[in-house]
C-alpha cells in the first residue's frame, strides 16, 4: 500500500528504529484491512471503531495506546488529517528487578564469553536491547571507561558507563578487533531473539523463577544505582530518559526495601 510506504519512509527520515517502524507499519496495515476503504477517506469514527474493537478483545491498555499512536501518526503526519482520540491512561506498574545475588547467578551460569558479556553490558551499562545489538567497538572509549549510544530512543546520543571488569572482558573478547558490532552472531548483527534465547537458557541453569528479559537488567541497573545513593537526575541521564518522572518509577522499587526495615522500637 502506498500510504504504508510513505509511513515507513517518513519514520526512517526521522531516525526511528527499525523495530518501531515495523510495529507501526503492522498496526496500520491491520487497521486499513479492518476499515476496508481508501486511506484518504479515513475518518475519526473509523479509528474509534477499530480501537473499540481492540478494547472489546481485552487488549491491554499499552497495546491500545501503541495502536492509537501508530494510526494517528499515519492519519495526521502522512495523510494530513487532524484526528485526536483519548484512550485510557496506561497504568504505570512497578518494574520487576533482579537482586545482586540473582545477577551473580546469571553471570556464573553463562556458558560462553559472549553470553557473559551480554549480561554484563545490559546490567552494568543499563542498555536497551536495541542499543546492545547495535553497539559498535568504535563507539567505546575503553581507556576512559565509557562509550556512546548513537541514535538511541528518540534518535538521541548518550554516554554510557563501563565497569572496569567489563572493559577488561571486552578487550579479551575482541582481541585485535577495533571496528564492527561489539557482539555479533556469525559475523552479523545479533538478533533480538538470540539474546532472549540466551537469557532464557542462562536463567534456567541458574534456577531463577523470574522470567528474565533484557529490560529487567536495565531496571536492575537503575534500581541498584538508586539504592547505592546515586542522584536520580544522574540515573535519568544514564538511562536516556527525557522526563524525570519516567526515572522516578524506580523509587517505588527502592521504597519496597525500606518497608522491610524493622523499626528500632520493635527491638526494645
C-alpha atoms as a PDB file:
ATOM      1  CA  UNK A   1       0.000   0.000   0.000  1.00  0.00           C
ATOM      2  CA  UNK A   2       1.300   3.437  -0.961  1.00  0.00           C
ATOM      3  CA  UNK A   3       0.370   5.047   2.362  1.00  0.00           C
ATOM      4  CA  UNK A   4       2.365   2.412   4.264  1.00  0.00           C
ATOM      5  CA  UNK A   5       5.396   3.020   2.063  1.00  0.00           C
ATOM      6  CA  UNK A   6       5.152   6.753   2.811  1.00  0.00           C
ATOM      7  CA  UNK A   7       4.726   5.974   6.522  1.00  0.00           C
ATOM      8  CA  UNK A   8       7.880   3.848   6.632  1.00  0.00           C
ATOM      9  CA  UNK A   9       9.875   6.430   4.665  1.00  0.00           C
ATOM     10  CA  UNK A  10       8.821   9.258   6.996  1.00  0.00           C
ATOM     11  CA  UNK A  11       9.736   7.237  10.080  1.00  0.00           C
ATOM     12  CA  UNK A  12      13.135   6.368   8.592  1.00  0.00           C
ATOM     13  CA  UNK A  13      13.841  10.039   7.854  1.00  0.00           C
ATOM     14  CA  UNK A  14      13.031  10.870  11.487  1.00  0.00           C
ATOM     15  CA  UNK A  15      15.582   8.334  12.680  1.00  0.00           C
ATOM     16  CA  UNK A  16      13.055   5.959  14.222  1.00  0.00           C
ATOM     17  CA  UNK A  17      14.311   2.435  14.974  1.00  0.00           C
ATOM     18  CA  UNK A  18      13.627  -0.437  12.572  1.00  0.00           C
ATOM     19  CA  UNK A  19      11.664  -2.223  15.289  1.00  0.00           C
ATOM     20  CA  UNK A  20       9.309   0.746  15.781  1.00  0.00           C
ATOM     21  CA  UNK A  21       8.892   1.220  12.027  1.00  0.00           C
ATOM     22  CA  UNK A  22       7.947  -2.439  11.666  1.00  0.00           C
ATOM     23  CA  UNK A  23       5.490  -2.201  14.582  1.00  0.00           C
ATOM     24  CA  UNK A  24       3.814   0.978  13.301  1.00  0.00           C
ATOM     25  CA  UNK A  25       3.525  -0.451   9.797  1.00  0.00           C
ATOM     26  CA  UNK A  26       1.923  -3.656  11.098  1.00  0.00           C
ATOM     27  CA  UNK A  27      -0.657  -1.805  13.220  1.00  0.00           C
ATOM     28  CA  UNK A  28      -1.578   0.498  10.330  1.00  0.00           C
ATOM     29  CA  UNK A  29      -1.869  -2.404   7.892  1.00  0.00           C
ATOM     30  CA  UNK A  30      -4.284  -4.212  10.223  1.00  0.00           C
ATOM     31  CA  UNK A  31      -6.306  -1.016  10.635  1.00  0.00           C
ATOM     32  CA  UNK A  32      -6.581  -0.481   6.868  1.00  0.00           C
ATOM     33  CA  UNK A  33      -7.651  -4.093   6.385  1.00  0.00           C
ATOM     34  CA  UNK A  34     -10.301  -3.578   9.071  1.00  0.00           C
ATOM     35  CA  UNK A  35     -11.898  -0.433   7.635  1.00  0.00           C
ATOM     36  CA  UNK A  36     -11.792  -1.618   4.001  1.00  0.00           C
ATOM     37  CA  UNK A  37     -11.713   1.848   2.454  1.00  0.00           C
ATOM     38  CA  UNK A  38      -9.282   4.176   0.721  1.00  0.00           C
ATOM     39  CA  UNK A  39      -6.852   5.780   3.171  1.00  0.00           C
ATOM     40  CA  UNK A  40      -7.816   9.285   2.032  1.00  0.00           C
ATOM     41  CA  UNK A  41     -11.382   8.639   3.258  1.00  0.00           C
ATOM     42  CA  UNK A  42     -10.403   7.639   6.809  1.00  0.00           C
ATOM     43  CA  UNK A  43     -12.431   9.408   9.493  1.00  0.00           C
ATOM     44  CA  UNK A  44     -12.091   9.792  13.241  1.00  0.00           C
ATOM     45  CA  UNK A  45     -15.002   7.381  13.647  1.00  0.00           C
ATOM     46  CA  UNK A  46     -13.062   4.716  11.725  1.00  0.00           C
ATOM     47  CA  UNK A  47     -10.180   4.991  14.173  1.00  0.00           C
ATOM     48  CA  UNK A  48     -12.508   4.948  17.195  1.00  0.00           C
ATOM     49  CA  UNK A  49     -14.322   1.922  15.805  1.00  0.00           C
ATOM     50  CA  UNK A  50     -11.070  -0.002  15.368  1.00  0.00           C
ATOM     51  CA  UNK A  51      -9.771   0.894  18.827  1.00  0.00           C
ATOM     52  CA  UNK A  52     -13.126  -0.065  20.367  1.00  0.00           C
ATOM     53  CA  UNK A  53     -12.847  -3.421  18.597  1.00  0.00           C
ATOM     54  CA  UNK A  54      -9.413  -3.996  20.125  1.00  0.00           C
ATOM     55  CA  UNK A  55     -10.600  -2.975  23.585  1.00  0.00           C
ATOM     56  CA  UNK A  56     -13.534  -5.341  23.194  1.00  0.00           C
ATOM     57  CA  UNK A  57     -10.997  -8.128  22.696  1.00  0.00           C
ATOM     58  CA  UNK A  58      -9.484  -7.242  26.092  1.00  0.00           C
ATOM     59  CA  UNK A  59      -6.331  -5.768  24.575  1.00  0.00           C
ATOM     60  CA  UNK A  60      -4.005  -4.331  27.215  1.00  0.00           C
ATOM     61  CA  UNK A  61      -4.081  -0.514  27.620  1.00  0.00           C
ATOM     62  CA  UNK A  62      -0.445  -0.359  26.486  1.00  0.00           C
ATOM     63  CA  UNK A  63      -1.305  -2.256  23.293  1.00  0.00           C
ATOM     64  CA  UNK A  64      -4.269   0.045  22.581  1.00  0.00           C
ATOM     65  CA  UNK A  65      -2.101   3.125  23.172  1.00  0.00           C
ATOM     66  CA  UNK A  66       0.547   1.832  20.767  1.00  0.00           C
ATOM     67  CA  UNK A  67      -2.085   1.078  18.128  1.00  0.00           C
ATOM     68  CA  UNK A  68      -3.532   4.583  18.507  1.00  0.00           C
ATOM     69  CA  UNK A  69      -0.079   6.161  18.250  1.00  0.00           C
ATOM     70  CA  UNK A  70       0.698   4.267  15.042  1.00  0.00           C
ATOM     71  CA  UNK A  71      -2.632   5.018  13.361  1.00  0.00           C
ATOM     72  CA  UNK A  72      -2.753   8.708  14.321  1.00  0.00           C
ATOM     73  CA  UNK A  73       0.823   9.158  13.100  1.00  0.00           C
ATOM     74  CA  UNK A  74      -0.310   7.817   9.736  1.00  0.00           C
ATOM     75  CA  UNK A  75      -3.524   9.867   9.611  1.00  0.00           C
ATOM     76  CA  UNK A  76      -2.076  13.133  10.908  1.00  0.00           C
ATOM     77  CA  UNK A  77       1.519  13.121   9.658  1.00  0.00           C
ATOM     78  CA  UNK A  78       1.138  11.224   6.380  1.00  0.00           C
ATOM     79  CA  UNK A  79      -2.454  11.932   5.343  1.00  0.00           C
ATOM     80  CA  UNK A  80      -2.634  15.470   6.764  1.00  0.00           C
ATOM     81  CA  UNK A  81      -5.721  14.886   8.867  1.00  0.00           C
ATOM     82  CA  UNK A  82      -6.324  16.119  12.413  1.00  0.00           C
ATOM     83  CA  UNK A  83      -7.568  13.171  14.402  1.00  0.00           C
ATOM     84  CA  UNK A  84      -7.382  13.384  18.196  1.00  0.00           C
ATOM     85  CA  UNK A  85      -8.602  10.495  20.291  1.00  0.00           C
ATOM     86  CA  UNK A  86      -8.364   9.912  24.032  1.00  0.00           C
ATOM     87  CA  UNK A  87      -7.681   6.402  25.281  1.00  0.00           C
ATOM     88  CA  UNK A  88      -7.341   5.106  28.855  1.00  0.00           C
ATOM     89  CA  UNK A  89      -4.127   6.106  30.592  1.00  0.00           C
ATOM     90  CA  UNK A  90      -1.556   3.358  30.842  1.00  0.00           C
ATOM     91  CA  UNK A  91      -1.155   2.291  34.472  1.00  0.00           C
ATOM     92  CA  UNK A  92       2.491   2.697  35.430  1.00  0.00           C
ATOM     93  CA  UNK A  93       3.469  -0.601  37.019  1.00  0.00           C
ATOM     94  CA  UNK A  94       6.457  -1.061  39.292  1.00  0.00           C
ATOM     95  CA  UNK A  95       9.211  -2.763  37.264  1.00  0.00           C
ATOM     96  CA  UNK A  96      10.415  -6.181  38.366  1.00  0.00           C
ATOM     97  CA  UNK A  97      14.122  -6.256  39.132  1.00  0.00           C
ATOM     98  CA  UNK A  98      16.786  -8.824  39.890  1.00  0.00           C
ATOM     99  CA  UNK A  99      18.716  -8.828  43.142  1.00  0.00           C
ATOM    100  CA  UNK A 100      22.505  -8.571  43.084  1.00  0.00           C
ATOM    101  CA  UNK A 101      22.658 -12.241  44.060  1.00  0.00           C
ATOM    102  CA  UNK A 102      20.490 -13.155  41.057  1.00  0.00           C
ATOM    103  CA  UNK A 103      22.735 -11.115  38.748  1.00  0.00           C
ATOM    104  CA  UNK A 104      25.734 -13.042  40.092  1.00  0.00           C
ATOM    105  CA  UNK A 105      23.945 -16.338  39.454  1.00  0.00           C
ATOM    106  CA  UNK A 106      23.286 -15.341  35.840  1.00  0.00           C
ATOM    107  CA  UNK A 107      26.944 -14.450  35.310  1.00  0.00           C
ATOM    108  CA  UNK A 108      28.081 -17.708  36.891  1.00  0.00           C
ATOM    109  CA  UNK A 109      25.779 -19.727  34.637  1.00  0.00           C
ATOM    110  CA  UNK A 110      26.708 -18.026  31.349  1.00  0.00           C
ATOM    111  CA  UNK A 111      28.464 -20.758  29.372  1.00  0.00           C
ATOM    112  CA  UNK A 112      30.260 -18.557  26.845  1.00  0.00           C
ATOM    113  CA  UNK A 113      32.199 -15.291  26.932  1.00  0.00           C
ATOM    114  CA  UNK A 114      29.663 -13.798  24.532  1.00  0.00           C
ATOM    115  CA  UNK A 115      26.700 -14.612  26.749  1.00  0.00           C
ATOM    116  CA  UNK A 116      28.506 -13.350  29.824  1.00  0.00           C
ATOM    117  CA  UNK A 117      29.298 -10.078  28.044  1.00  0.00           C
ATOM    118  CA  UNK A 118      25.643  -9.688  27.045  1.00  0.00           C
ATOM    119  CA  UNK A 119      24.591  -9.872  30.702  1.00  0.00           C
ATOM    120  CA  UNK A 120      27.422  -7.578  31.811  1.00  0.00           C
ATOM    121  CA  UNK A 121      26.552  -4.854  29.306  1.00  0.00           C
ATOM    122  CA  UNK A 122      22.796  -4.959  29.902  1.00  0.00           C
ATOM    123  CA  UNK A 123      23.295  -4.722  33.654  1.00  0.00           C
ATOM    124  CA  UNK A 124      26.444  -2.632  34.099  1.00  0.00           C
ATOM    125  CA  UNK A 125      25.545  -0.005  31.484  1.00  0.00           C
ATOM    126  CA  UNK A 126      21.731  -0.073  31.556  1.00  0.00           C
ATOM    127  CA  UNK A 127      21.451  -0.690  27.819  1.00  0.00           C
ATOM    128  CA  UNK A 128      18.201  -1.278  25.999  1.00  0.00           C
ATOM    129  CA  UNK A 129      18.155  -4.439  23.874  1.00  0.00           C
ATOM    130  CA  UNK A 130      18.198  -2.422  20.635  1.00  0.00           C
ATOM    131  CA  UNK A 131      21.202  -0.465  21.924  1.00  0.00           C
ATOM    132  CA  UNK A 132      23.076  -3.630  22.848  1.00  0.00           C
ATOM    133  CA  UNK A 133      22.752  -5.264  19.437  1.00  0.00           C
ATOM    134  CA  UNK A 134      23.653  -2.001  17.666  1.00  0.00           C
ATOM    135  CA  UNK A 135      26.668  -1.170  19.858  1.00  0.00           C
ATOM    136  CA  UNK A 136      29.919  -0.905  17.880  1.00  0.00           C
ATOM    137  CA  UNK A 137      33.510  -1.060  19.042  1.00  0.00           C
ATOM    138  CA  UNK A 138      34.343   2.337  17.578  1.00  0.00           C
ATOM    139  CA  UNK A 139      31.714   3.869  19.895  1.00  0.00           C
ATOM    140  CA  UNK A 140      33.606   2.767  23.013  1.00  0.00           C
ATOM    141  CA  UNK A 141      36.380   4.650  24.799  1.00  0.00           C
ATOM    142  CA  UNK A 142      37.730   1.808  26.891  1.00  0.00           C
ATOM    143  CA  UNK A 143      40.586   3.784  28.461  1.00  0.00           C
ATOM    144  CA  UNK A 144      38.043   6.300  29.770  1.00  0.00           C
ATOM    145  CA  UNK A 145      35.619   3.522  30.779  1.00  0.00           C
ATOM    146  CA  UNK A 146      32.678   4.886  28.867  1.00  0.00           C
ATOM    147  CA  UNK A 147      31.020   4.652  25.483  1.00  0.00           C
ATOM    148  CA  UNK A 148      28.309   6.205  23.364  1.00  0.00           C
ATOM    149  CA  UNK A 149      24.909   5.016  22.243  1.00  0.00           C
ATOM    150  CA  UNK A 150      24.353   6.616  18.853  1.00  0.00           C
ATOM    151  CA  UNK A 151      20.811   7.385  17.785  1.00  0.00           C
ATOM    152  CA  UNK A 152      19.138   5.732  20.775  1.00  0.00           C
ATOM    153  CA  UNK A 153      15.457   6.084  21.651  1.00  0.00           C
ATOM    154  CA  UNK A 154      14.170   9.314  20.162  1.00  0.00           C
ATOM    155  CA  UNK A 155      17.233   9.493  17.925  1.00  0.00           C
ATOM    156  CA  UNK A 156      19.407  10.829  20.757  1.00  0.00           C
ATOM    157  CA  UNK A 157      23.056  10.092  21.542  1.00  0.00           C
ATOM    158  CA  UNK A 158      24.010   9.439  25.152  1.00  0.00           C
ATOM    159  CA  UNK A 159      27.010   8.417  27.175  1.00  0.00           C
ATOM    160  CA  UNK A 160      27.108   5.025  28.884  1.00  0.00           C
ATOM    161  CA  UNK A 161      29.368   3.909  31.710  1.00  0.00           C
ATOM    162  CA  UNK A 162      31.536   0.791  31.563  1.00  0.00           C
ATOM    163  CA  UNK A 163      32.759  -1.014  34.653  1.00  0.00           C
ATOM    164  CA  UNK A 164      36.453  -1.829  34.957  1.00  0.00           C
ATOM    165  CA  UNK A 165      35.694  -5.562  34.823  1.00  0.00           C
ATOM    166  CA  UNK A 166      33.588  -5.156  31.671  1.00  0.00           C
ATOM    167  CA  UNK A 167      36.315  -3.108  29.957  1.00  0.00           C
ATOM    168  CA  UNK A 168      38.799  -5.924  30.602  1.00  0.00           C
ATOM    169  CA  UNK A 169      36.323  -8.515  29.371  1.00  0.00           C
ATOM    170  CA  UNK A 170      35.700  -6.519  26.168  1.00  0.00           C
ATOM    171  CA  UNK A 171      39.448  -6.358  25.490  1.00  0.00           C
ATOM    172  CA  UNK A 172      39.794 -10.109  25.946  1.00  0.00           C
ATOM    173  CA  UNK A 173      36.680 -10.852  23.899  1.00  0.00           C
ATOM    174  CA  UNK A 174      37.552  -8.608  20.937  1.00  0.00           C
ATOM    175  CA  UNK A 175      41.319  -9.091  20.771  1.00  0.00           C
ATOM    176  CA  UNK A 176      42.738  -7.054  17.880  1.00  0.00           C
ATOM    177  CA  UNK A 177      39.303  -6.112  16.549  1.00  0.00           C
ATOM    178  CA  UNK A 178      38.660  -2.349  16.617  1.00  0.00           C
ATOM    179  CA  UNK A 179      35.544  -1.891  14.486  1.00  0.00           C
ATOM    180  CA  UNK A 180      32.179  -3.523  13.851  1.00  0.00           C
ATOM    181  CA  UNK A 181      29.463  -4.768  16.168  1.00  0.00           C
ATOM    182  CA  UNK A 182      30.789  -5.434  19.654  1.00  0.00           C
ATOM    183  CA  UNK A 183      28.708  -8.608  19.939  1.00  0.00           C
ATOM    184  CA  UNK A 184      27.716 -10.317  16.718  1.00  0.00           C
ATOM    185  CA  UNK A 185      26.150 -13.579  15.622  1.00  0.00           C
ATOM    186  CA  UNK A 186      28.180 -15.381  12.962  1.00  0.00           C
ATOM    187  CA  UNK A 187      29.688 -12.138  11.775  1.00  0.00           C
ATOM    188  CA  UNK A 188      26.333 -10.367  11.520  1.00  0.00           C
ATOM    189  CA  UNK A 189      24.285  -8.216  13.857  1.00  0.00           C
ATOM    190  CA  UNK A 190      22.982 -10.230  16.794  1.00  0.00           C
ATOM    191  CA  UNK A 191      19.216 -10.752  16.694  1.00  0.00           C
ATOM    192  CA  UNK A 192      16.793  -9.861  19.467  1.00  0.00           C
ATOM    193  CA  UNK A 193      15.624 -13.455  19.558  1.00  0.00           C
ATOM    194  CA  UNK A 194      19.172 -14.756  20.069  1.00  0.00           C
ATOM    195  CA  UNK A 195      19.643 -12.506  23.107  1.00  0.00           C
ATOM    196  CA  UNK A 196      16.342 -13.544  24.695  1.00  0.00           C
ATOM    197  CA  UNK A 197      17.053 -17.219  23.999  1.00  0.00           C
ATOM    198  CA  UNK A 198      20.448 -16.915  25.689  1.00  0.00           C
ATOM    199  CA  UNK A 199      18.888 -15.253  28.754  1.00  0.00           C
ATOM    200  CA  UNK A 200      16.193 -17.940  28.956  1.00  0.00           C
ATOM    201  CA  UNK A 201      18.796 -20.716  28.930  1.00  0.00           C
ATOM    202  CA  UNK A 202      21.043 -18.992  31.471  1.00  0.00           C
ATOM    203  CA  UNK A 203      18.137 -18.228  33.834  1.00  0.00           C
ATOM    204  CA  UNK A 204      17.039 -21.860  33.621  1.00  0.00           C
ATOM    205  CA  UNK A 205      20.521 -23.096  34.554  1.00  0.00           C
ATOM    206  CA  UNK A 206      20.616 -20.556  37.385  1.00  0.00           C
ATOM    207  CA  UNK A 207      17.244 -21.920  38.593  1.00  0.00           C
ATOM    208  CA  UNK A 208      15.676 -18.455  38.701  1.00  0.00           C
ATOM    209  CA  UNK A 209      11.890 -18.383  38.933  1.00  0.00           C
ATOM    210  CA  UNK A 210      11.621 -14.916  37.368  1.00  0.00           C
ATOM    211  CA  UNK A 211      11.142 -14.513  33.631  1.00  0.00           C
ATOM    212  CA  UNK A 212      14.410 -12.757  32.823  1.00  0.00           C
ATOM    213  CA  UNK A 213      14.319 -10.351  29.891  1.00  0.00           C
ATOM    214  CA  UNK A 214      16.794  -7.682  28.693  1.00  0.00           C
ATOM    215  CA  UNK A 215      14.827  -4.736  30.087  1.00  0.00           C
ATOM    216  CA  UNK A 216      14.805  -6.355  33.533  1.00  0.00           C
ATOM    217  CA  UNK A 217      18.603  -5.974  33.548  1.00  0.00           C
ATOM    218  CA  UNK A 218      18.172  -2.258  32.769  1.00  0.00           C
ATOM    219  CA  UNK A 219      15.596  -1.951  35.570  1.00  0.00           C
ATOM    220  CA  UNK A 220      18.066  -3.628  37.925  1.00  0.00           C
ATOM    221  CA  UNK A 221      20.871  -1.269  36.855  1.00  0.00           C
ATOM    222  CA  UNK A 222      18.745   1.778  37.710  1.00  0.00           C
ATOM    223  CA  UNK A 223      17.361   0.382  40.960  1.00  0.00           C
ATOM    224  CA  UNK A 224      20.751  -0.707  42.299  1.00  0.00           C
ATOM    225  CA  UNK A 225      22.265   2.692  41.463  1.00  0.00           C
ATOM    226  CA  UNK A 226      19.429   4.407  43.323  1.00  0.00           C
ATOM    227  CA  UNK A 227      19.852   2.126  46.335  1.00  0.00           C
ATOM    228  CA  UNK A 228      23.571   2.950  46.357  1.00  0.00           C
ATOM    229  CA  UNK A 229      22.747   6.648  46.700  1.00  0.00           C
ATOM    230  CA  UNK A 230      23.227   7.818  43.103  1.00  0.00           C
ATOM    231  CA  UNK A 231      21.337  11.046  42.366  1.00  0.00           C
ATOM    232  CA  UNK A 232      18.181  10.228  40.416  1.00  0.00           C
ATOM    233  CA  UNK A 233      18.945  13.000  37.906  1.00  0.00           C
ATOM    234  CA  UNK A 234      22.221  11.281  37.036  1.00  0.00           C
ATOM    235  CA  UNK A 235      20.374   7.993  36.618  1.00  0.00           C
ATOM    236  CA  UNK A 236      17.948   9.796  34.301  1.00  0.00           C
ATOM    237  CA  UNK A 237      20.859  10.859  32.077  1.00  0.00           C
ATOM    238  CA  UNK A 238      22.434   7.386  32.073  1.00  0.00           C
ATOM    239  CA  UNK A 239      19.117   5.812  31.073  1.00  0.00           C
ATOM    240  CA  UNK A 240      18.423   8.427  28.414  1.00  0.00           C
ATOM    241  CA  UNK A 241      15.023   9.378  29.847  1.00  0.00           C
ATOM    242  CA  UNK A 242      13.655  12.671  28.531  1.00  0.00           C
ATOM    243  CA  UNK A 243      11.362  13.070  31.545  1.00  0.00           C
ATOM    244  CA  UNK A 244      12.451  12.649  35.173  1.00  0.00           C
ATOM    245  CA  UNK A 245       9.034  11.184  36.041  1.00  0.00           C
ATOM    246  CA  UNK A 246       9.924   8.132  33.942  1.00  0.00           C
ATOM    247  CA  UNK A 247      13.002   7.538  36.090  1.00  0.00           C
ATOM    248  CA  UNK A 248      11.111   8.119  39.334  1.00  0.00           C
ATOM    249  CA  UNK A 249       9.293   4.797  38.908  1.00  0.00           C
ATOM    250  CA  UNK A 250      12.454   3.196  40.339  1.00  0.00           C
ATOM    251  CA  UNK A 251      11.973   4.996  43.639  1.00  0.00           C
ATOM    252  CA  UNK A 252       8.902   2.810  44.150  1.00  0.00           C
ATOM    253  CA  UNK A 253      11.048  -0.313  43.806  1.00  0.00           C
ATOM    254  CA  UNK A 254      13.587   1.090  46.238  1.00  0.00           C
ATOM    255  CA  UNK A 255      10.861   2.039  48.715  1.00  0.00           C
ATOM    256  CA  UNK A 256       9.800  -1.610  48.848  1.00  0.00           C
ATOM    257  CA  UNK A 257      13.117  -2.340  50.541  1.00  0.00           C
ATOM    258  CA  UNK A 258      12.546   0.488  53.028  1.00  0.00           C
ATOM    259  CA  UNK A 259       9.246  -1.062  54.047  1.00  0.00           C
ATOM    260  CA  UNK A 260      11.067  -4.245  55.079  1.00  0.00           C
ATOM    261  CA  UNK A 261      13.218  -2.400  57.614  1.00  0.00           C
ATOM    262  CA  UNK A 262      12.196  -3.138  61.166  1.00  0.00           C
ATOM    263  CA  UNK A 263      11.619  -0.186  63.466  1.00  0.00           C
ATOM    264  CA  UNK A 264      14.104   0.001  66.373  1.00  0.00           C
ATOM    265  CA  UNK A 265      11.044   0.304  68.629  1.00  0.00           C
ATOM    266  CA  UNK A 266      10.284  -3.343  67.871  1.00  0.00           C
ATOM    267  CA  UNK A 267      13.578  -4.390  69.442  1.00  0.00           C
ATOM    268  CA  UNK A 268      13.110  -2.573  72.771  1.00  0.00           C
END
